[in-house]
């Protein structure tokens, strides 16, 4: 329930045009928030591509809240305990030692 509320907050905060969907460009901003990066350019393109493919399961070019939440749930098993950035890195099999965008 709490992860759905947080997911809803993140989703709507980044749905810039208010159409109820997250575009690939908006998703890059979501990733900045989740990974504590300053700019989408700080996140490797391959990583953004991988996450987008996982989230946009129907290849529509945008995702609704249900698809977004399903994607978020893959990475949030430890969200409560460690924060979303740590959960994402943990899922990737990486250990993050700094919150600096240069570490991405």
N, C-alpha and C. Protein backbone atom coordinates (compact mmCIF):
# COMPACT_ATOMS: atom_id res chain seq x y z
N UNK A 1 0.83 -1.20 0.00
CA UNK A 1 0.00 0.00 0.00
C UNK A 1 0.87 1.25 0.00
N UNK A 2 1.90 1.28 0.85
CA UNK A 2 2.77 2.45 0.91
C UNK A 2 3.56 2.61 -0.39
N UNK A 3 4.01 1.50 -0.98
CA UNK A 3 4.75 1.62 -2.23
C UNK A 3 3.84 2.15 -3.34
N UNK A 4 2.56 1.80 -3.33
CA UNK A 4 1.63 2.32 -4.32
C UNK A 4 1.44 3.83 -4.14
N UNK A 5 1.36 4.27 -2.90
CA UNK A 5 1.22 5.71 -2.65
C UNK A 5 2.46 6.46 -3.11
N UNK A 6 3.63 5.93 -2.80
CA UNK A 6 4.87 6.59 -3.24
C UNK A 6 4.99 6.54 -4.76
N UNK A 7 4.64 5.40 -5.34
CA UNK A 7 4.66 5.28 -6.80
C UNK A 7 3.72 6.29 -7.44
N UNK A 8 2.54 6.46 -6.87
CA UNK A 8 1.54 7.43 -7.37
C UNK A 8 2.11 8.83 -7.31
N UNK A 9 2.75 9.17 -6.20
CA UNK A 9 3.34 10.49 -6.03
C UNK A 9 4.43 10.73 -7.08
N UNK A 10 5.33 9.77 -7.24
CA UNK A 10 6.41 9.91 -8.23
C UNK A 10 5.82 10.01 -9.64
N UNK A 11 4.86 9.14 -9.94
CA UNK A 11 4.25 9.12 -11.27
C UNK A 11 3.64 10.48 -11.61
N UNK A 12 2.82 11.00 -10.73
CA UNK A 12 2.14 12.26 -11.02
C UNK A 12 3.07 13.47 -10.98
N UNK A 13 4.08 13.41 -10.17
CA UNK A 13 5.05 14.49 -10.13
C UNK A 13 5.78 14.62 -11.48
N UNK A 14 5.97 13.49 -12.16
CA UNK A 14 6.73 13.50 -13.42
C UNK A 14 5.87 13.42 -14.67
N UNK A 15 4.57 13.34 -14.50
CA UNK A 15 3.65 13.38 -15.64
C UNK A 15 3.46 14.85 -16.01
N UNK A 16 4.48 15.41 -16.66
CA UNK A 16 4.58 16.85 -16.89
C UNK A 16 3.38 17.44 -17.62
N UNK A 17 2.85 16.72 -18.60
CA UNK A 17 1.73 17.27 -19.36
C UNK A 17 0.38 16.84 -18.81
N UNK A 18 0.36 16.06 -17.74
CA UNK A 18 -0.88 15.69 -17.08
C UNK A 18 -1.78 14.76 -17.86
N UNK A 19 -1.21 14.01 -18.81
CA UNK A 19 -2.05 13.13 -19.64
C UNK A 19 -2.30 11.76 -19.02
N UNK A 20 -1.77 11.53 -17.80
CA UNK A 20 -1.97 10.25 -17.14
C UNK A 20 -1.04 9.16 -17.64
N UNK A 21 -0.02 9.56 -18.39
CA UNK A 21 0.96 8.62 -18.92
C UNK A 21 2.34 9.23 -18.76
N UNK A 22 3.34 8.37 -18.66
CA UNK A 22 4.73 8.81 -18.57
C UNK A 22 5.40 8.47 -19.90
N UNK A 23 5.90 9.51 -20.55
CA UNK A 23 6.63 9.31 -21.81
C UNK A 23 8.06 8.87 -21.48
N UNK A 24 8.78 8.49 -22.51
CA UNK A 24 10.19 8.10 -22.30
C UNK A 24 10.98 9.26 -21.71
N UNK A 25 10.73 10.47 -22.17
CA UNK A 25 11.45 11.64 -21.66
C UNK A 25 11.08 11.87 -20.18
N UNK A 26 9.80 11.76 -19.86
CA UNK A 26 9.38 11.92 -18.47
C UNK A 26 9.96 10.80 -17.60
N UNK A 27 10.07 9.61 -18.18
CA UNK A 27 10.62 8.46 -17.45
C UNK A 27 12.09 8.72 -17.09
N UNK A 28 12.82 9.38 -17.97
CA UNK A 28 14.22 9.72 -17.67
C UNK A 28 14.28 10.61 -16.43
N UNK A 29 13.33 11.51 -16.28
CA UNK A 29 13.28 12.36 -15.09
C UNK A 29 12.91 11.54 -13.86
N UNK A 30 12.02 10.57 -14.03
CA UNK A 30 11.68 9.66 -12.94
C UNK A 30 12.94 8.96 -12.46
N UNK A 31 13.74 8.47 -13.41
CA UNK A 31 14.97 7.76 -13.06
C UNK A 31 15.93 8.67 -12.30
N UNK A 32 15.98 9.93 -12.68
CA UNK A 32 16.83 10.88 -11.94
C UNK A 32 16.38 10.95 -10.49
N UNK A 33 15.09 11.05 -10.28
CA UNK A 33 14.56 11.11 -8.93
C UNK A 33 14.88 9.83 -8.17
N UNK A 34 14.63 8.70 -8.79
CA UNK A 34 14.79 7.42 -8.12
C UNK A 34 16.25 7.09 -7.84
N UNK A 35 17.13 7.52 -8.73
CA UNK A 35 18.54 7.19 -8.59
C UNK A 35 19.36 8.36 -8.03
N UNK A 36 18.66 9.42 -7.65
CA UNK A 36 19.29 10.60 -7.05
C UNK A 36 20.35 11.21 -7.97
N UNK A 37 20.04 11.27 -9.25
CA UNK A 37 20.93 11.89 -10.23
C UNK A 37 20.46 13.33 -10.48
N UNK A 38 21.35 14.17 -10.89
CA UNK A 38 21.00 15.56 -11.17
C UNK A 38 20.36 15.74 -12.54
N UNK A 39 20.76 14.89 -13.47
CA UNK A 39 20.35 15.06 -14.86
C UNK A 39 20.28 13.69 -15.52
N UNK A 40 19.34 13.47 -16.46
CA UNK A 40 19.28 12.17 -17.14
C UNK A 40 20.60 11.78 -17.80
N UNK A 41 21.39 12.76 -18.21
CA UNK A 41 22.68 12.48 -18.82
C UNK A 41 23.67 11.85 -17.86
N UNK A 42 23.37 11.94 -16.56
CA UNK A 42 24.24 11.33 -15.55
C UNK A 42 24.00 9.83 -15.41
N UNK A 43 22.94 9.33 -16.01
CA UNK A 43 22.61 7.91 -15.95
C UNK A 43 22.99 7.29 -17.30
N UNK A 44 23.75 6.22 -17.29
CA UNK A 44 24.15 5.60 -18.55
C UNK A 44 22.94 5.29 -19.45
N UNK A 45 23.06 5.63 -20.71
CA UNK A 45 21.97 5.44 -21.68
C UNK A 45 21.48 4.00 -21.70
N UNK A 46 22.41 3.06 -21.61
CA UNK A 46 22.03 1.64 -21.63
C UNK A 46 21.11 1.30 -20.46
N UNK A 47 21.39 1.91 -19.32
CA UNK A 47 20.57 1.67 -18.13
C UNK A 47 19.18 2.25 -18.32
N UNK A 48 19.12 3.48 -18.82
CA UNK A 48 17.82 4.08 -19.10
C UNK A 48 17.04 3.24 -20.10
N UNK A 49 17.71 2.79 -21.16
CA UNK A 49 17.06 1.95 -22.17
C UNK A 49 16.53 0.66 -21.56
N UNK A 50 17.34 0.04 -20.73
CA UNK A 50 16.93 -1.22 -20.10
C UNK A 50 15.69 -1.02 -19.22
N UNK A 51 15.73 0.00 -18.37
CA UNK A 51 14.60 0.25 -17.50
C UNK A 51 13.35 0.62 -18.30
N UNK A 52 13.52 1.40 -19.36
CA UNK A 52 12.37 1.78 -20.17
C UNK A 52 11.74 0.55 -20.82
N UNK A 53 12.56 -0.33 -21.36
CA UNK A 53 12.03 -1.56 -21.98
C UNK A 53 11.28 -2.40 -20.96
N UNK A 54 11.78 -2.46 -19.73
CA UNK A 54 11.09 -3.19 -18.68
C UNK A 54 9.75 -2.54 -18.33
N UNK A 55 9.72 -1.23 -18.28
CA UNK A 55 8.51 -0.50 -17.89
C UNK A 55 7.47 -0.46 -19.01
N UNK A 56 7.91 -0.20 -20.24
CA UNK A 56 7.00 -0.09 -21.39
C UNK A 56 6.79 -1.47 -22.02
N UNK A 57 6.19 -2.35 -21.26
CA UNK A 57 6.05 -3.75 -21.66
C UNK A 57 5.23 -3.93 -22.94
N UNK A 58 4.36 -2.98 -23.25
CA UNK A 58 3.53 -3.08 -24.44
C UNK A 58 4.09 -2.30 -25.62
N UNK A 59 5.25 -1.69 -25.43
CA UNK A 59 5.92 -0.89 -26.47
C UNK A 59 5.01 0.18 -27.07
N UNK A 60 4.29 0.88 -26.20
CA UNK A 60 3.40 1.95 -26.64
C UNK A 60 4.11 3.30 -26.74
N UNK A 61 5.29 3.38 -26.15
CA UNK A 61 6.01 4.66 -26.15
C UNK A 61 5.68 5.52 -24.94
N UNK A 62 4.76 5.06 -24.12
CA UNK A 62 4.43 5.72 -22.86
C UNK A 62 3.82 4.66 -21.95
N UNK A 63 3.85 4.94 -20.65
CA UNK A 63 3.30 3.97 -19.70
C UNK A 63 2.27 4.64 -18.80
N UNK A 64 1.24 3.87 -18.47
CA UNK A 64 0.24 4.32 -17.51
C UNK A 64 0.70 3.96 -16.10
N UNK A 65 -0.11 4.35 -15.14
CA UNK A 65 0.27 4.11 -13.76
C UNK A 65 0.40 2.63 -13.43
N UNK A 66 -0.47 1.79 -13.95
CA UNK A 66 -0.40 0.35 -13.64
C UNK A 66 0.93 -0.25 -14.09
N UNK A 67 1.35 0.06 -15.31
CA UNK A 67 2.64 -0.44 -15.80
C UNK A 67 3.80 0.15 -14.99
N UNK A 68 3.67 1.44 -14.67
CA UNK A 68 4.71 2.08 -13.86
C UNK A 68 4.83 1.40 -12.51
N UNK A 69 3.70 1.18 -11.85
CA UNK A 69 3.72 0.56 -10.53
C UNK A 69 4.27 -0.86 -10.60
N UNK A 70 3.91 -1.61 -11.64
CA UNK A 70 4.45 -2.96 -11.80
C UNK A 70 5.97 -2.91 -11.93
N UNK A 71 6.47 -1.94 -12.70
CA UNK A 71 7.91 -1.78 -12.84
C UNK A 71 8.55 -1.40 -11.51
N UNK A 72 7.97 -0.42 -10.81
CA UNK A 72 8.51 0.02 -9.53
C UNK A 72 8.58 -1.14 -8.54
N UNK A 73 7.56 -1.98 -8.54
CA UNK A 73 7.52 -3.09 -7.58
C UNK A 73 8.66 -4.08 -7.77
N UNK A 74 9.23 -4.14 -8.97
CA UNK A 74 10.39 -5.00 -9.19
C UNK A 74 11.58 -4.55 -8.35
N UNK A 75 11.63 -3.26 -8.06
CA UNK A 75 12.80 -2.67 -7.43
C UNK A 75 12.56 -2.18 -6.01
N UNK A 76 11.38 -2.42 -5.46
CA UNK A 76 11.07 -1.80 -4.18
C UNK A 76 10.97 -2.76 -3.01
N UNK A 77 11.45 -3.97 -3.14
CA UNK A 77 11.38 -4.88 -2.01
C UNK A 77 12.11 -4.32 -0.80
N UNK A 78 13.16 -3.55 -1.03
CA UNK A 78 13.89 -2.96 0.10
C UNK A 78 13.74 -1.44 0.13
N UNK A 79 12.73 -0.92 -0.55
CA UNK A 79 12.49 0.51 -0.62
C UNK A 79 12.35 1.11 0.78
N UNK A 80 11.53 0.50 1.60
CA UNK A 80 11.29 1.02 2.94
C UNK A 80 12.55 1.05 3.77
N UNK A 81 13.33 0.01 3.68
CA UNK A 81 14.50 -0.13 4.54
C UNK A 81 15.68 0.73 4.08
N UNK A 82 15.91 0.79 2.77
CA UNK A 82 17.13 1.43 2.27
C UNK A 82 16.91 2.60 1.33
N UNK A 83 15.70 2.85 0.89
CA UNK A 83 15.43 3.90 -0.08
C UNK A 83 15.43 3.35 -1.49
N UNK A 84 14.75 4.02 -2.38
CA UNK A 84 14.55 3.52 -3.74
C UNK A 84 15.86 3.43 -4.52
N UNK A 85 16.75 4.40 -4.38
CA UNK A 85 18.01 4.35 -5.13
C UNK A 85 18.80 3.10 -4.77
N UNK A 86 18.89 2.79 -3.49
CA UNK A 86 19.61 1.59 -3.07
C UNK A 86 18.91 0.33 -3.56
N UNK A 87 17.57 0.35 -3.57
CA UNK A 87 16.82 -0.81 -4.05
C UNK A 87 17.09 -1.06 -5.52
N UNK A 88 17.13 0.00 -6.32
CA UNK A 88 17.41 -0.14 -7.75
C UNK A 88 18.81 -0.69 -7.96
N UNK A 89 19.80 -0.13 -7.28
CA UNK A 89 21.17 -0.61 -7.44
C UNK A 89 21.32 -2.04 -6.95
N UNK A 90 20.65 -2.37 -5.86
CA UNK A 90 20.70 -3.72 -5.34
C UNK A 90 20.15 -4.70 -6.37
N UNK A 91 19.05 -4.34 -6.99
CA UNK A 91 18.43 -5.19 -8.01
C UNK A 91 19.36 -5.37 -9.21
N UNK A 92 20.13 -4.34 -9.50
CA UNK A 92 21.08 -4.41 -10.61
C UNK A 92 22.33 -5.21 -10.24
N UNK A 93 22.45 -5.57 -8.97
CA UNK A 93 23.63 -6.31 -8.53
C UNK A 93 24.84 -5.42 -8.32
N UNK A 94 24.58 -4.15 -8.05
CA UNK A 94 25.65 -3.19 -7.86
C UNK A 94 25.55 -2.61 -6.46
N UNK A 95 26.64 -2.20 -5.92
CA UNK A 95 26.62 -1.52 -4.63
C UNK A 95 26.95 -0.06 -4.87
N UNK A 96 26.12 0.79 -4.37
CA UNK A 96 26.35 2.21 -4.52
C UNK A 96 26.95 2.76 -3.24
N UNK A 97 28.07 3.39 -3.35
CA UNK A 97 28.76 3.89 -2.15
C UNK A 97 28.60 5.38 -1.98
N UNK A 98 28.03 6.04 -2.97
CA UNK A 98 27.88 7.49 -2.90
C UNK A 98 26.60 7.88 -3.61
N UNK A 99 26.05 9.02 -3.24
CA UNK A 99 24.87 9.53 -3.93
C UNK A 99 25.23 10.53 -5.00
N UNK A 100 26.50 10.68 -5.27
CA UNK A 100 26.96 11.60 -6.29
C UNK A 100 26.58 11.10 -7.68
N UNK A 101 26.07 12.00 -8.49
CA UNK A 101 25.69 11.63 -9.86
C UNK A 101 26.88 11.14 -10.66
N UNK A 102 28.07 11.55 -10.30
CA UNK A 102 29.25 11.10 -11.05
C UNK A 102 29.52 9.62 -10.84
N UNK A 103 28.90 9.03 -9.82
CA UNK A 103 29.08 7.60 -9.57
C UNK A 103 28.19 6.73 -10.43
N UNK A 104 27.27 7.35 -11.14
CA UNK A 104 26.29 6.56 -11.91
C UNK A 104 26.88 5.98 -13.14
